[in-house]
Amino acid sequence: MLETLPELARDVSDVTYLIIGDGDGRAHLEEKARALGVADRVVFTGYVPEKEKADQYRLADVVAMPGSNRLFDHYPFRFAFLEPLACGVPVVGSCLEDSSEIDDPARVRS
């Protein structure tokens, strides 16, 4: 998402990217935002208590979590899409094939 932000900012002058939570990758993401020249458009909230998450999601026009990490793109982490949807916020994500999530191996996704 950070890599698309410079181009997106050319079309949407007031775009801001809110990153909720903390983790081992935060310093890397902060440096990446600086290197891409979008650090002023990225807000890192740090840890957000469960009772405040809905308010954070409702700040968004869209939640984008395309992901490419096999761990994240695997059950149960996809439930993270449900929280913003429950708050009425559209979600953009990826659809990687994962045979472990298919109940019927003969089923074909369209």
PDB file of N, CA and C in Angstrom:
ATOM      1  N   MET A   1       0.824  -1.190   0.000  1.00  0.00           N
ATOM      2  CA  MET A   1       0.000   0.000   0.000  1.00  0.00           C
ATOM      3  C   MET A   1       0.867   1.252   0.000  1.00  0.00           C
ATOM      4  N   LEU A   2       1.950   1.227   0.769  1.00  0.00           N
ATOM      5  CA  LEU A   2       2.813   2.403   0.812  1.00  0.00           C
ATOM      6  C   LEU A   2       3.371   2.740  -0.564  1.00  0.00           C
ATOM      7  N   GLU A   3       3.676   1.721  -1.345  1.00  0.00           N
ATOM      8  CA  GLU A   3       4.244   1.960  -2.669  1.00  0.00           C
ATOM      9  C   GLU A   3       3.239   2.597  -3.624  1.00  0.00           C
ATOM     10  N   THR A   4       1.953   2.417  -3.394  1.00  0.00           N
ATOM     11  CA  THR A   4       0.942   3.038  -4.251  1.00  0.00           C
ATOM     12  C   THR A   4       0.572   4.445  -3.790  1.00  0.00           C
ATOM     13  N   LEU A   5       0.954   4.798  -2.584  1.00  0.00           N
ATOM     14  CA  LEU A   5       0.539   6.078  -2.006  1.00  0.00           C
ATOM     15  C   LEU A   5       1.035   7.298  -2.785  1.00  0.00           C
ATOM     16  N   PRO A   6       2.282   7.343  -3.273  1.00  0.00           N
ATOM     17  CA  PRO A   6       2.697   8.530  -4.040  1.00  0.00           C
ATOM     18  C   PRO A   6       1.811   8.777  -5.266  1.00  0.00           C
ATOM     19  N   GLU A   7       1.493   7.725  -5.999  1.00  0.00           N
ATOM     20  CA  GLU A   7       0.640   7.886  -7.182  1.00  0.00           C
ATOM     21  C   GLU A   7      -0.787   8.246  -6.781  1.00  0.00           C
ATOM     22  N   LEU A   8      -1.292   7.602  -5.750  1.00  0.00           N
ATOM     23  CA  LEU A   8      -2.630   7.902  -5.272  1.00  0.00           C
ATOM     24  C   LEU A   8      -2.740   9.358  -4.824  1.00  0.00           C
ATOM     25  N   ALA A   9      -1.692   9.872  -4.194  1.00  0.00           N
ATOM     26  CA  ALA A   9      -1.699  11.253  -3.701  1.00  0.00           C
ATOM     27  C   ALA A   9      -1.772  12.268  -4.845  1.00  0.00           C
ATOM     28  N   ARG A  10      -1.296  11.880  -6.012  1.00  0.00           N
ATOM     29  CA  ARG A  10      -1.407  12.781  -7.162  1.00  0.00           C
ATOM     30  C   ARG A  10      -2.863  12.956  -7.584  1.00  0.00           C
ATOM     31  N   ASP A  11      -3.659  11.913  -7.387  1.00  0.00           N
ATOM     32  CA  ASP A  11      -5.072  11.961  -7.774  1.00  0.00           C
ATOM     33  C   ASP A  11      -6.003  12.363  -6.638  1.00  0.00           C
ATOM     34  N   VAL A  12      -5.607  12.046  -5.395  1.00  0.00           N
ATOM     35  CA  VAL A  12      -6.434  12.343  -4.221  1.00  0.00           C
ATOM     36  C   VAL A  12      -5.589  13.199  -3.275  1.00  0.00           C
ATOM     37  N   SER A  13      -5.756  14.494  -3.367  1.00  0.00           N
ATOM     38  CA  SER A  13      -4.846  15.414  -2.669  1.00  0.00           C
ATOM     39  C   SER A  13      -4.866  15.276  -1.146  1.00  0.00           C
ATOM     40  N   ASP A  14      -5.967  14.824  -0.580  1.00  0.00           N
ATOM     41  CA  ASP A  14      -6.050  14.743   0.883  1.00  0.00           C
ATOM     42  C   ASP A  14      -5.963  13.305   1.417  1.00  0.00           C
ATOM     43  N   VAL A  15      -5.399  12.394   0.635  1.00  0.00           N
ATOM     44  CA  VAL A  15      -5.317  11.004   1.065  1.00  0.00           C
ATOM     45  C   VAL A  15      -4.390  10.858   2.272  1.00  0.00           C
ATOM     46  N   THR A  16      -4.834  10.056   3.226  1.00  0.00           N
ATOM     47  CA  THR A  16      -4.042   9.716   4.407  1.00  0.00           C
ATOM     48  C   THR A  16      -4.173   8.214   4.615  1.00  0.00           C
ATOM     49  N   TYR A  17      -3.058   7.590   4.938  1.00  0.00           N
ATOM     50  CA  TYR A  17      -3.046   6.150   5.175  1.00  0.00           C
ATOM     51  C   TYR A  17      -2.844   5.920   6.666  1.00  0.00           C
ATOM     52  N   LEU A  18      -3.804   5.285   7.296  1.00  0.00           N
ATOM     53  CA  LEU A  18      -3.779   5.019   8.733  1.00  0.00           C
ATOM     54  C   LEU A  18      -3.385   3.565   8.946  1.00  0.00           C
ATOM     55  N   ILE A  19      -2.316   3.359   9.681  1.00  0.00           N
ATOM     56  CA  ILE A  19      -1.856   2.000   9.987  1.00  0.00           C
ATOM     57  C   ILE A  19      -2.097   1.756  11.464  1.00  0.00           C
ATOM     58  N   ILE A  20      -3.014   0.832  11.744  1.00  0.00           N
ATOM     59  CA  ILE A  20      -3.403   0.535  13.119  1.00  0.00           C
ATOM     60  C   ILE A  20      -2.600  -0.643  13.642  1.00  0.00           C
ATOM     61  N   GLY A  21      -2.084  -0.503  14.843  1.00  0.00           N
ATOM     62  CA  GLY A  21      -1.379  -1.599  15.497  1.00  0.00           C
ATOM     63  C   GLY A  21       0.118  -1.412  15.532  1.00  0.00           C
ATOM     64  N   ASP A  22       0.762  -2.337  16.163  1.00  0.00           N
ATOM     65  CA  ASP A  22       2.213  -2.337  16.291  1.00  0.00           C
ATOM     66  C   ASP A  22       2.732  -3.703  15.901  1.00  0.00           C
ATOM     67  N   GLY A  23       4.011  -3.775  15.735  1.00  0.00           N
ATOM     68  CA  GLY A  23       4.611  -5.056  15.401  1.00  0.00           C
ATOM     69  C   GLY A  23       6.066  -4.872  15.034  1.00  0.00           C
ATOM     70  N   ASP A  24       6.705  -5.979  14.744  1.00  0.00           N
ATOM     71  CA  ASP A  24       8.128  -5.945  14.428  1.00  0.00           C
ATOM     72  C   ASP A  24       8.439  -5.168  13.156  1.00  0.00           C
ATOM     73  N   GLY A  25       7.474  -5.042  12.252  1.00  0.00           N
ATOM     74  CA  GLY A  25       7.718  -4.370  10.979  1.00  0.00           C
ATOM     75  C   GLY A  25       7.481  -2.872  10.982  1.00  0.00           C
ATOM     76  N   ARG A  26       7.064  -2.314  12.104  1.00  0.00           N
ATOM     77  CA  ARG A  26       6.706  -0.891  12.122  1.00  0.00           C
ATOM     78  C   ARG A  26       7.869   0.013  11.737  1.00  0.00           C
ATOM     79  N   ALA A  27       9.044  -0.194  12.290  1.00  0.00           N
ATOM     80  CA  ALA A  27      10.197   0.669  11.962  1.00  0.00           C
ATOM     81  C   ALA A  27      10.506   0.607  10.470  1.00  0.00           C
ATOM     82  N   HIS A  28      10.408  -0.586   9.901  1.00  0.00           N
ATOM     83  CA  HIS A  28      10.644  -0.743   8.460  1.00  0.00           C
ATOM     84  C   HIS A  28       9.610   0.045   7.656  1.00  0.00           C
ATOM     85  N   LEU A  29       8.341  -0.028   8.059  1.00  0.00           N
ATOM     86  CA  LEU A  29       7.286   0.696   7.347  1.00  0.00           C
ATOM     87  C   LEU A  29       7.454   2.208   7.492  1.00  0.00           C
ATOM     88  N   GLU A  30       7.857   2.662   8.668  1.00  0.00           N
ATOM     89  CA  GLU A  30       8.095   4.090   8.864  1.00  0.00           C
ATOM     90  C   GLU A  30       9.227   4.576   7.959  1.00  0.00           C
ATOM     91  N   GLU A  31      10.292   3.804   7.872  1.00  0.00           N
ATOM     92  CA  GLU A  31      11.409   4.164   6.997  1.00  0.00           C
ATOM     93  C   GLU A  31      10.977   4.134   5.532  1.00  0.00           C
ATOM     94  N   LYS A  32      10.199   3.149   5.166  1.00  0.00           N
ATOM     95  CA  LYS A  32       9.719   3.048   3.788  1.00  0.00           C
ATOM     96  C   LYS A  32       8.859   4.254   3.419  1.00  0.00           C
ATOM     97  N   ALA A  33       7.994   4.686   4.328  1.00  0.00           N
ATOM     98  CA  ALA A  33       7.157   5.863   4.085  1.00  0.00           C
ATOM     99  C   ALA A  33       8.032   7.105   3.883  1.00  0.00           C
ATOM    100  N   ARG A  34       9.081   7.242   4.689  1.00  0.00           N
ATOM    101  CA  ARG A  34      10.004   8.380   4.514  1.00  0.00           C
ATOM    102  C   ARG A  34      10.704   8.302   3.161  1.00  0.00           C
ATOM    103  N   ALA A  35      11.186   7.123   2.810  1.00  0.00           N
ATOM    104  CA  ALA A  35      11.916   6.943   1.555  1.00  0.00           C
ATOM    105  C   ALA A  35      11.025   7.228   0.341  1.00  0.00           C
ATOM    106  N   LEU A  36       9.757   6.914   0.447  1.00  0.00           N
ATOM    107  CA  LEU A  36       8.820   7.151  -0.655  1.00  0.00           C
ATOM    108  C   LEU A  36       8.291   8.581  -0.678  1.00  0.00           C
ATOM    109  N   GLY A  37       8.641   9.368   0.342  1.00  0.00           N
ATOM    110  CA  GLY A  37       8.198  10.754   0.407  1.00  0.00           C
ATOM    111  C   GLY A  37       6.747  10.916   0.820  1.00  0.00           C
ATOM    112  N   VAL A  38       6.203   9.932   1.527  1.00  0.00           N
ATOM    113  CA  VAL A  38       4.797   9.996   1.945  1.00  0.00           C
ATOM    114  C   VAL A  38       4.621   9.938   3.461  1.00  0.00           C
ATOM    115  N   ALA A  39       5.691  10.110   4.195  1.00  0.00           N
ATOM    116  CA  ALA A  39       5.610  10.004   5.662  1.00  0.00           C
ATOM    117  C   ALA A  39       4.588  10.979   6.242  1.00  0.00           C
ATOM    118  N   ASP A  40       4.405  12.128   5.584  1.00  0.00           N
ATOM    119  CA  ASP A  40       3.434  13.107   6.072  1.00  0.00           C
ATOM    120  C   ASP A  40       1.988  12.683   5.806  1.00  0.00           C
ATOM    121  N   ARG A  41       1.807  11.627   5.040  1.00  0.00           N
ATOM    122  CA  ARG A  41       0.469  11.122   4.721  1.00  0.00           C
ATOM    123  C   ARG A  41       0.144   9.827   5.450  1.00  0.00           C
ATOM    124  N   VAL A  42       1.071   9.336   6.251  1.00  0.00           N
ATOM    125  CA  VAL A  42       0.896   8.063   6.942  1.00  0.00           C
ATOM    126  C   VAL A  42       0.837   8.308   8.447  1.00  0.00           C
ATOM    127  N   VAL A  43      -0.182   7.751   9.085  1.00  0.00           N
ATOM    128  CA  VAL A  43      -0.335   7.854  10.532  1.00  0.00           C
ATOM    129  C   VAL A  43      -0.220   6.446  11.110  1.00  0.00           C
ATOM    130  N   PHE A  44       0.735   6.262  11.998  1.00  0.00           N
ATOM    131  CA  PHE A  44       0.895   5.002  12.717  1.00  0.00           C
ATOM    132  C   PHE A  44       0.266   5.178  14.096  1.00  0.00           C
ATOM    133  N   THR A  45      -0.817   4.473  14.359  1.00  0.00           N
ATOM    134  CA  THR A  45      -1.531   4.663  15.624  1.00  0.00           C
ATOM    135  C   THR A  45      -0.866   3.943  16.786  1.00  0.00           C
ATOM    136  N   GLY A  46      -0.103   2.892  16.475  1.00  0.00           N
ATOM    137  CA  GLY A  46       0.360   2.031  17.548  1.00  0.00           C
ATOM    138  C   GLY A  46      -0.793   1.156  17.998  1.00  0.00           C
ATOM    139  N   TYR A  47      -0.631   0.561  19.158  1.00  0.00           N
ATOM    140  CA  TYR A  47      -1.654  -0.335  19.697  1.00  0.00           C
ATOM    141  C   TYR A  47      -2.966   0.422  19.902  1.00  0.00           C
ATOM    142  N   VAL A  48      -4.057  -0.186  19.501  1.00  0.00           N
ATOM    143  CA  VAL A  48      -5.391   0.372  19.713  1.00  0.00           C
ATOM    144  C   VAL A  48      -6.193  -0.656  20.518  1.00  0.00           C
ATOM    145  N   PRO A  49      -6.689  -0.266  21.701  1.00  0.00           N
ATOM    146  CA  PRO A  49      -7.490  -1.203  22.500  1.00  0.00           C
ATOM    147  C   PRO A  49      -8.713  -1.684  21.722  1.00  0.00           C
ATOM    148  N   GLU A  50      -9.116  -2.884  21.992  1.00  0.00           N
ATOM    149  CA  GLU A  50     -10.243  -3.505  21.293  1.00  0.00           C
ATOM    150  C   GLU A  50     -11.472  -2.606  21.291  1.00  0.00           C
ATOM    151  N   LYS A  51     -11.761  -1.962  22.428  1.00  0.00           N
ATOM    152  CA  LYS A  51     -12.970  -1.139  22.532  1.00  0.00           C
ATOM    153  C   LYS A  51     -12.911   0.129  21.673  1.00  0.00           C
ATOM    154  N   GLU A  52     -11.723   0.493  21.153  1.00  0.00           N
ATOM    155  CA  GLU A  52     -11.579   1.682  20.310  1.00  0.00           C
ATOM    156  C   GLU A  52     -11.431   1.355  18.830  1.00  0.00           C
ATOM    157  N   LYS A  53     -11.303   0.081  18.488  1.00  0.00           N
ATOM    158  CA  LYS A  53     -11.075  -0.291  17.090  1.00  0.00           C
ATOM    159  C   LYS A  53     -12.193   0.165  16.159  1.00  0.00           C
ATOM    160  N   ALA A  54     -13.431  -0.006  16.561  1.00  0.00           N
ATOM    161  CA  ALA A  54     -14.543   0.379  15.691  1.00  0.00           C
ATOM    162  C   ALA A  54     -14.468   1.862  15.343  1.00  0.00           C
ATOM    163  N   ASP A  55     -14.131   2.699  16.316  1.00  0.00           N
ATOM    164  CA  ASP A  55     -14.000   4.133  16.040  1.00  0.00           C
ATOM    165  C   ASP A  55     -12.882   4.406  15.043  1.00  0.00           C
ATOM    166  N   GLN A  56     -11.787   3.676  15.147  1.00  0.00           N
ATOM    167  CA  GLN A  56     -10.679   3.837  14.204  1.00  0.00           C
ATOM    168  C   GLN A  56     -11.112   3.414  12.799  1.00  0.00           C
ATOM    169  N   TYR A  57     -11.789   2.294  12.692  1.00  0.00           N
ATOM    170  CA  TYR A  57     -12.253   1.839  11.378  1.00  0.00           C
ATOM    171  C   TYR A  57     -13.211   2.839  10.747  1.00  0.00           C
ATOM    172  N   ARG A  58     -14.069   3.431  11.560  1.00  0.00           N
ATOM    173  CA  ARG A  58     -15.065   4.372  11.024  1.00  0.00           C
ATOM    174  C   ARG A  58     -14.439   5.672  10.514  1.00  0.00           C
ATOM    175  N   LEU A  59     -13.172   5.900  10.802  1.00  0.00           N
ATOM    176  CA  LEU A  59     -12.472   7.054  10.237  1.00  0.00           C
ATOM    177  C   LEU A  59     -12.166   6.853   8.758  1.00  0.00           C
ATOM    178  N   ALA A  60     -12.193   5.613   8.308  1.00  0.00           N
ATOM    179  CA  ALA A  60     -11.743   5.264   6.959  1.00  0.00           C
ATOM    180  C   ALA A  60     -12.850   5.365   5.919  1.00  0.00           C
ATOM    181  N   ASP A  61     -12.436   5.675   4.696  1.00  0.00           N
ATOM    182  CA  ASP A  61     -13.318   5.571   3.535  1.00  0.00           C
ATOM    183  C   ASP A  61     -13.245   4.158   2.962  1.00  0.00           C
ATOM    184  N   VAL A  62     -12.088   3.516   3.154  1.00  0.00           N
ATOM    185  CA  VAL A  62     -11.866   2.151   2.686  1.00  0.00           C
ATOM    186  C   VAL A  62     -10.733   1.549   3.510  1.00  0.00           C
ATOM    187  N   VAL A  63     -10.790   0.256   3.746  1.00  0.00           N
ATOM    188  CA  VAL A  63      -9.706  -0.469   4.394  1.00  0.00           C
ATOM    189  C   VAL A  63      -9.068  -1.343   3.327  1.00  0.00           C
ATOM    190  N   ALA A  64      -7.777  -1.185   3.145  1.00  0.00           N
ATOM    191  CA  ALA A  64      -7.056  -1.952   2.126  1.00  0.00           C
ATOM    192  C   ALA A  64      -6.012  -2.826   2.797  1.00  0.00           C
ATOM    193  N   MET A  65      -6.137  -4.121   2.603  1.00  0.00           N
ATOM    194  CA  MET A  65      -5.189  -5.091   3.143  1.00  0.00           C
ATOM    195  C   MET A  65      -4.912  -6.142   2.075  1.00  0.00           C
ATOM    196  N   PRO A  66      -4.195  -5.746   1.028  1.00  0.00           N
ATOM    197  CA  PRO A  66      -3.995  -6.715  -0.048  1.00  0.00           C
ATOM    198  C   PRO A  66      -3.140  -7.895   0.367  1.00  0.00           C
ATOM    199  N   GLY A  67      -2.161  -7.692   1.212  1.00  0.00           N
ATOM    200  CA  GLY A  67      -1.356  -8.774   1.742  1.00  0.00           C
ATOM    201  C   GLY A  67      -0.677  -9.645   0.700  1.00  0.00           C
ATOM    202  N   SER A  68       0.468 -10.133   1.034  1.00  0.00           N
ATOM    203  CA  SER A  68       1.157 -11.104   0.200  1.00  0.00           C
ATOM    204  C   SER A  68       1.903 -12.079   1.093  1.00  0.00           C
ATOM    205  N   ASN A  69       1.682 -11.955   2.375  1.00  0.00           N
ATOM    206  CA  ASN A  69       2.310 -12.834   3.340  1.00  0.00           C
ATOM    207  C   ASN A  69       1.439 -14.077   3.483  1.00  0.00           C
ATOM    208  N   ARG A  70       1.982 -15.216   3.197  1.00  0.00           N
ATOM    209  CA  ARG A  70       1.197 -16.459   3.246  1.00  0.00           C
ATOM    210  C   ARG A  70       0.566 -16.683   4.618  1.00  0.00           C
ATOM    211  N   LEU A  71       1.245 -16.267   5.681  1.00  0.00           N
ATOM    212  CA  LEU A  71       0.676 -16.433   7.015  1.00  0.00           C
ATOM    213  C   LEU A  71      -0.566 -15.572   7.169  1.00  0.00           C
ATOM    214  N   PHE A  72      -0.481 -14.300   6.771  1.00  0.00           N
ATOM    215  CA  PHE A  72      -1.622 -13.398   6.917  1.00  0.00           C
ATOM    216  C   PHE A  72      -2.776 -13.817   6.018  1.00  0.00           C
ATOM    217  N   ASP A  73      -2.463 -14.281   4.823  1.00  0.00           N
ATOM    218  CA  ASP A  73      -3.493 -14.643   3.862  1.00  0.00           C
ATOM    219  C   ASP A  73      -4.092 -16.012   4.153  1.00  0.00           C
ATOM    220  N   HIS A  74      -3.911 -16.502   5.343  1.00  0.00           N
ATOM    221  CA  HIS A  74      -4.364 -17.836   5.737  1.00  0.00           C
ATOM    222  C   HIS A  74      -5.320 -17.699   6.930  1.00  0.00           C
ATOM    223  N   TYR A  75      -6.309 -18.552   6.991  1.00  0.00           N
ATOM    224  CA  TYR A  75      -7.201 -18.592   8.144  1.00  0.00           C
ATOM    225  C   TYR A  75      -6.356 -18.701   9.416  1.00  0.00           C
ATOM    226  N   PRO A  76      -6.618 -18.005  10.490  1.00  0.00           N
ATOM    227  CA  PRO A  76      -7.784 -17.198  10.835  1.00  0.00           C
ATOM    228  C   PRO A  76      -7.592 -15.709  10.596  1.00  0.00           C
ATOM    229  N   PHE A  77      -6.474 -15.300  10.008  1.00  0.00           N
ATOM    230  CA  PHE A  77      -6.181 -13.879   9.882  1.00  0.00           C
ATOM    231  C   PHE A  77      -7.133 -13.146   8.947  1.00  0.00           C
ATOM    232  N   ARG A  78      -7.775 -13.859   8.049  1.00  0.00           N
ATOM    233  CA  ARG A  78      -8.731 -13.197   7.154  1.00  0.00           C
ATOM    234  C   ARG A  78      -9.922 -12.630   7.905  1.00  0.00           C
ATOM    235  N   PHE A  79     -10.116 -13.038   9.144  1.00  0.00           N
ATOM    236  CA  PHE A  79     -11.189 -12.455   9.937  1.00  0.00           C
ATOM    237  C   PHE A  79     -10.959 -10.969  10.164  1.00  0.00           C
ATOM    238  N   ALA A  80      -9.740 -10.501   9.964  1.00  0.00           N
ATOM    239  CA  ALA A  80      -9.458  -9.071  10.096  1.00  0.00           C
ATOM    240  C   ALA A  80     -10.265  -8.252   9.091  1.00  0.00           C
ATOM    241  N   PHE A  81     -10.719  -8.855   8.016  1.00  0.00           N
ATOM    242  CA  PHE A  81     -11.558  -8.156   7.044  1.00  0.00           C
ATOM    243  C   PHE A  81     -12.960  -7.903   7.606  1.00  0.00           C
ATOM    244  N   LEU A  82     -13.412  -8.741   8.508  1.00  0.00           N
ATOM    245  CA  LEU A  82     -14.768  -8.637   9.015  1.00  0.00           C
ATOM    246  C   LEU A  82     -14.976  -7.436   9.933  1.00  0.00           C
ATOM    247  N   GLU A  83     -13.944  -7.049  10.674  1.00  0.00           N
ATOM    248  CA  GLU A  83     -14.099  -5.929  11.603  1.00  0.00           C
ATOM    249  C   GLU A  83     -14.469  -4.636  10.880  1.00  0.00           C
ATOM    250  N   PRO A  84     -13.715  -4.208   9.861  1.00  0.00           N
ATOM    251  CA  PRO A  84     -14.131  -2.981   9.182  1.00  0.00           C
ATOM    252  C   PRO A  84     -15.466  -3.145   8.449  1.00  0.00           C
ATOM    253  N   LEU A  85     -15.718  -4.321   7.876  1.00  0.00           N
ATOM    254  CA  LEU A  85     -16.996  -4.537   7.203  1.00  0.00           C
ATOM    255  C   LEU A  85     -18.155  -4.377   8.180  1.00  0.00           C
ATOM    256  N   ALA A  86     -17.984  -4.865   9.403  1.00  0.00           N
ATOM    257  CA  ALA A  86     -19.025  -4.735  10.423  1.00  0.00           C
ATOM    258  C   ALA A  86     -19.251  -3.274  10.807  1.00  0.00           C
ATOM    259  N   CYS A  87     -18.261  -2.429  10.544  1.00  0.00           N
ATOM    260  CA  CYS A  87     -18.384  -0.994  10.824  1.00  0.00           C
ATOM    261  C   CYS A  87     -18.891  -0.223   9.608  1.00  0.00           C
ATOM    262  N   GLY A  88     -19.232  -0.959   8.541  1.00  0.00           N
ATOM    263  CA  GLY A  88     -19.754  -0.314   7.339  1.00  0.00           C
ATOM    264  C   GLY A  88     -18.690   0.242   6.417  1.00  0.00           C
ATOM    265  N   VAL A  89     -17.453  -0.201   6.577  1.00  0.00           N
ATOM    266  CA  VAL A  89     -16.349   0.312   5.769  1.00  0.00           C
ATOM    267  C   VAL A  89     -15.996  -0.723   4.693  1.00  0.00           C
ATOM    268  N   PRO A  90     -15.967  -0.311   3.415  1.00  0.00           N
ATOM    269  CA  PRO A  90     -15.576  -1.247   2.358  1.00  0.00           C
ATOM    270  C   PRO A  90     -14.144  -1.728   2.548  1.00  0.00           C
ATOM    271  N   VAL A  91     -13.873  -2.958   2.106  1.00  0.00           N
ATOM    272  CA  VAL A  91     -12.559  -3.565   2.262  1.00  0.00           C
ATOM    273  C   VAL A  91     -12.041  -4.007   0.894  1.00  0.00           C
ATOM    274  N   VAL A  92     -10.753  -3.749   0.663  1.00  0.00           N
ATOM    275  CA  VAL A  92     -10.060  -4.243  -0.523  1.00  0.00           C
ATOM    276  C   VAL A  92      -9.006  -5.212  -0.025  1.00  0.00           C
ATOM    277  N   GLY A  93      -9.005  -6.422  -0.556  1.00  0.00           N
ATOM    278  CA  GLY A  93      -8.037  -7.424  -0.127  1.00  0.00           C
ATOM    279  C   GLY A  93      -7.645  -8.313  -1.287  1.00  0.00           C
ATOM    280  N   SER A  94      -6.794  -9.261  -1.007  1.00  0.00           N
ATOM    281  CA  SER A  94      -6.349 -10.187  -2.047  1.00  0.00           C
ATOM    282  C   SER A  94      -7.136 -11.485  -1.959  1.00  0.00           C
ATOM    283  N   CYS A  95      -7.034 -12.264  -2.979  1.00  0.00           N
ATOM    284  CA  CYS A  95      -7.682 -13.566  -3.007  1.00  0.00           C
ATOM    285  C   CYS A  95      -6.648 -14.577  -3.476  1.00  0.00           C
ATOM    286  N   LEU A  96      -5.862 -15.072  -2.548  1.00  0.00           N
ATOM    287  CA  LEU A  96      -4.879 -16.096  -2.879  1.00  0.00           C
ATOM    288  C   LEU A  96      -5.516 -17.457  -2.681  1.00  0.00           C
ATOM    289  N   GLU A  97      -5.244 -18.355  -3.578  1.00  0.00           N
ATOM    290  CA  GLU A  97      -5.752 -19.713  -3.429  1.00  0.00           C
ATOM    291  C   GLU A  97      -5.123 -20.354  -2.198  1.00  0.00           C
ATOM    292  N   ASP A  98      -5.930 -20.986  -1.394  1.00  0.00           N
ATOM    293  CA  ASP A  98      -5.442 -21.687  -0.222  1.00  0.00           C
ATOM    294  C   ASP A  98      -6.316 -22.921  -0.052  1.00  0.00           C
ATOM    295  N   SER A  99      -5.806 -24.045  -0.497  1.00  0.00           N
ATOM    296  CA  SER A  99      -6.605 -25.265  -0.496  1.00  0.00           C
ATOM    297  C   SER A  99      -7.061 -25.680   0.896  1.00  0.00           C
ATOM    298  N   SER A 100      -6.379 -25.208   1.940  1.00  0.00           N
ATOM    299  CA  SER A 100      -6.789 -25.587   3.296  1.00  0.00           C
ATOM    300  C   SER A 100      -8.111 -24.944   3.690  1.00  0.00           C
ATOM    301  N   GLU A 101      -8.554 -23.907   2.961  1.00  0.00           N
ATOM    302  CA  GLU A 101      -9.805 -23.233   3.281  1.00  0.00           C
ATOM    303  C   GLU A 101     -10.980 -23.753   2.474  1.00  0.00           C
ATOM    304  N   ILE A 102     -10.738 -24.666   1.596  1.00  0.00           N
ATOM    305  CA  ILE A 102     -11.805 -25.199   0.756  1.00  0.00           C
ATOM    306  C   ILE A 102     -12.372 -26.453   1.422  1.00  0.00           C
ATOM    307  N   ASP A 103     -13.668 -26.420   1.745  1.00  0.00           N
ATOM    308  CA  ASP A 103     -14.311 -27.560   2.390  1.00  0.00           C
ATOM    309  C   ASP A 103     -14.355 -28.771   1.460  1.00  0.00           C
ATOM    310  N   ASP A 104     -14.686 -28.518   0.210  1.00  0.00           N
ATOM    311  CA  ASP A 104     -14.819 -29.586  -0.773  1.00  0.00           C
ATOM    312  C   ASP A 104     -13.704 -29.423  -1.802  1.00  0.00           C
ATOM    313  N   PRO A 105     -12.694 -30.285  -1.802  1.00  0.00           N
ATOM    314  CA  PRO A 105     -11.583 -30.154  -2.742  1.00  0.00           C
ATOM    315  C   PRO A 105     -12.014 -30.139  -4.198  1.00  0.00           C
ATOM    316  N   ALA A 106     -13.195 -30.661  -4.515  1.00  0.00           N
ATOM    317  CA  ALA A 106     -13.678 -30.670  -5.897  1.00  0.00           C
ATOM    318  C   ALA A 106     -14.276 -29.319  -6.296  1.00  0.00           C
ATOM    319  N   ARG A 107     -14.543 -28.462  -5.302  1.00  0.00           N
ATOM    320  CA  ARG A 107     -15.157 -27.156  -5.576  1.00  0.00           C
ATOM    321  C   ARG A 107     -14.181 -26.276  -6.345  1.00  0.00           C
ATOM    322  N   VAL A 108     -14.675 -25.577  -7.325  1.00  0.00           N
ATOM    323  CA  VAL A 108     -13.847 -24.691  -8.144  1.00  0.00           C
ATOM    324  C   VAL A 108     -14.295 -23.270  -7.889  1.00  0.00           C
ATOM    325  N   ARG A 109     -13.345 -22.378  -7.630  1.00  0.00           N
ATOM    326  CA  ARG A 109     -13.682 -20.969  -7.419  1.00  0.00           C
ATOM    327  C   ARG A 109     -13.834 -20.283  -8.758  1.00  0.00           C
ATOM    328  N   SER A 110     -14.821 -19.432  -8.862  1.00  0.00           N
ATOM    329  CA  SER A 110     -15.022 -18.701 -10.119  1.00  0.00           C
ATOM    330  C   SER A 110     -14.537 -17.279  -9.983  1.00  0.00           C
TER     331      SER A 110
END
